[in-house]
Amino acid sequence: MDTYRTSRCKYNGMWKIERGVGTLSIEEMKNVDVRVVKREELADIREVEVNKRKSQEGQIRDYLEQIKNPYCYRYGEYIVKIGFEDTTVTLTDRLQELILKTASAI
């Protein structure tokens, strides 16, 4: 897969995050506001350990169970929020663009 499309990802069904009595949907996970999220409720990515002996699907499931919300987590004292652009442009395309811009600036 060249790009990561969150809405069409085959692993979306694995993302069932327990939070109290409710479950966060993918949209709710994406829309977490880092200004009001409780830091202590977020998983620290430095503590996530994925079992490399599992299948790829098992590793993804393992990661998602530990991180709880792949869009918003902690790295020590920092809150990290990520998102994905819905595009056909690949990471390789973006890196090539960055390299060309950097090279032309020198």
Protein backbone atom coordinates (compact mmCIF):
# COMPACT_ATOMS: atom_id res chain seq x y z
CA MET A 1 0.00 0.00 0.00
CA ASP A 2 1.53 3.33 -1.07
CA THR A 3 -0.55 5.59 1.13
CA TYR A 4 -2.28 5.20 4.44
CA ARG A 5 -5.96 6.01 4.19
CA THR A 6 -7.56 5.91 7.59
CA SER A 7 -11.14 5.64 6.37
CA ARG A 8 -10.40 2.73 4.05
CA CYS A 9 -7.77 0.89 6.09
CA LYS A 10 -8.54 -2.82 6.52
CA TYR A 11 -7.43 -2.56 10.16
CA ASN A 12 -10.13 -0.05 11.13
CA GLY A 13 -12.25 -2.84 12.58
CA MET A 14 -9.54 -3.57 15.16
CA TRP A 15 -9.81 -0.13 16.74
CA LYS A 16 -12.18 -0.70 19.63
CA ILE A 17 -10.93 1.44 22.44
CA GLU A 18 -12.54 1.05 25.84
CA ARG A 19 -12.94 4.29 27.75
CA GLY A 20 -15.17 4.01 30.76
CA VAL A 21 -18.40 2.44 29.61
CA GLY A 22 -18.26 3.87 26.10
CA THR A 23 -16.15 3.14 23.06
CA LEU A 24 -14.29 5.77 21.04
CA SER A 25 -15.00 5.70 17.33
CA ILE A 26 -12.26 6.37 14.80
CA GLU A 27 -13.71 9.85 14.22
CA GLU A 28 -13.67 10.56 17.96
CA MET A 29 -10.04 9.40 18.16
CA LYS A 30 -9.09 11.66 15.24
CA ASN A 31 -10.89 14.63 16.76
CA VAL A 32 -9.40 14.50 20.27
CA ASP A 33 -8.55 18.05 21.33
CA VAL A 34 -5.00 18.09 22.74
CA ARG A 35 -5.82 21.25 24.68
CA VAL A 36 -8.33 19.46 26.90
CA VAL A 37 -7.28 15.79 26.80
CA LYS A 38 -6.16 14.35 30.14
CA ARG A 39 -2.45 13.57 29.83
CA GLU A 40 -2.67 10.70 32.34
CA GLU A 41 -5.29 8.93 30.21
CA LEU A 42 -2.98 8.78 27.19
CA ALA A 43 -0.64 5.86 26.56
CA ASP A 44 3.08 6.66 26.53
CA ILE A 45 4.43 5.36 23.22
CA ARG A 46 7.81 4.67 24.84
CA GLU A 47 6.12 1.93 26.89
CA VAL A 48 4.52 0.20 23.90
CA GLU A 49 6.22 -3.09 23.08
CA VAL A 50 5.01 -5.04 20.07
CA ASN A 51 5.62 -8.79 19.93
CA LYS A 52 7.64 -9.26 16.71
CA ARG A 53 6.86 -12.99 16.67
CA LYS A 54 3.22 -12.32 15.86
CA SER A 55 1.86 -12.00 12.34
CA GLN A 56 1.63 -8.52 10.84
CA GLU A 57 -2.04 -8.36 11.78
CA GLY A 58 -1.22 -9.58 15.29
CA GLN A 59 1.46 -6.90 15.65
CA ILE A 60 -0.98 -4.19 14.56
CA ARG A 61 -3.62 -5.49 16.96
CA ASP A 62 -1.01 -5.60 19.74
CA TYR A 63 0.04 -2.00 19.03
CA LEU A 64 -3.54 -0.70 18.88
CA GLU A 65 -4.49 -2.42 22.14
CA GLN A 66 -1.57 -0.77 23.92
CA ILE A 67 -1.61 2.71 22.36
CA LYS A 68 -5.43 2.98 22.65
CA ASN A 69 -5.61 6.01 20.34
CA PRO A 70 -3.09 5.99 17.47
CA TYR A 71 -4.00 9.62 16.70
CA CYS A 72 -3.19 11.00 20.15
CA TYR A 73 -0.71 9.65 22.68
CA ARG A 74 2.10 10.74 24.98
CA TYR A 75 5.84 10.80 24.52
CA GLY A 76 6.96 11.43 28.08
CA GLU A 77 5.54 14.80 29.10
CA TYR A 78 4.57 15.72 25.52
CA ILE A 79 1.20 15.06 23.92
CA VAL A 80 1.50 13.96 20.31
CA LYS A 81 -1.38 14.28 17.85
CA ILE A 82 -1.06 12.99 14.32
CA GLY A 83 -3.26 12.97 11.25
CA PHE A 84 -3.21 11.61 7.76
CA GLU A 85 -3.96 13.46 4.58
CA ASP A 86 -6.42 11.78 2.21
CA THR A 87 -4.30 11.94 -0.94
CA THR A 88 -2.67 9.81 -3.60
CA VAL A 89 0.72 11.43 -2.92
CA THR A 90 3.07 8.92 -1.31
CA LEU A 91 5.60 9.44 1.44
CA THR A 92 8.31 8.85 -1.17
CA ASP A 93 6.87 11.68 -3.28
CA ARG A 94 6.90 14.03 -0.28
CA LEU A 95 10.47 13.09 0.65
CA GLN A 96 11.67 13.66 -2.92
CA GLU A 97 9.96 17.05 -2.91
CA LEU A 98 11.64 17.95 0.39
CA ILE A 99 15.07 16.87 -0.90
CA LEU A 100 14.68 18.91 -4.08
CA LYS A 101 13.56 22.00 -2.15
CA THR A 102 16.42 21.61 0.33
CA ALA A 103 18.98 21.12 -2.45
CA SER A 104 17.78 24.18 -4.38
CA ALA A 105 17.97 26.32 -1.23
CA ILE A 106 21.69 25.59 -0.76
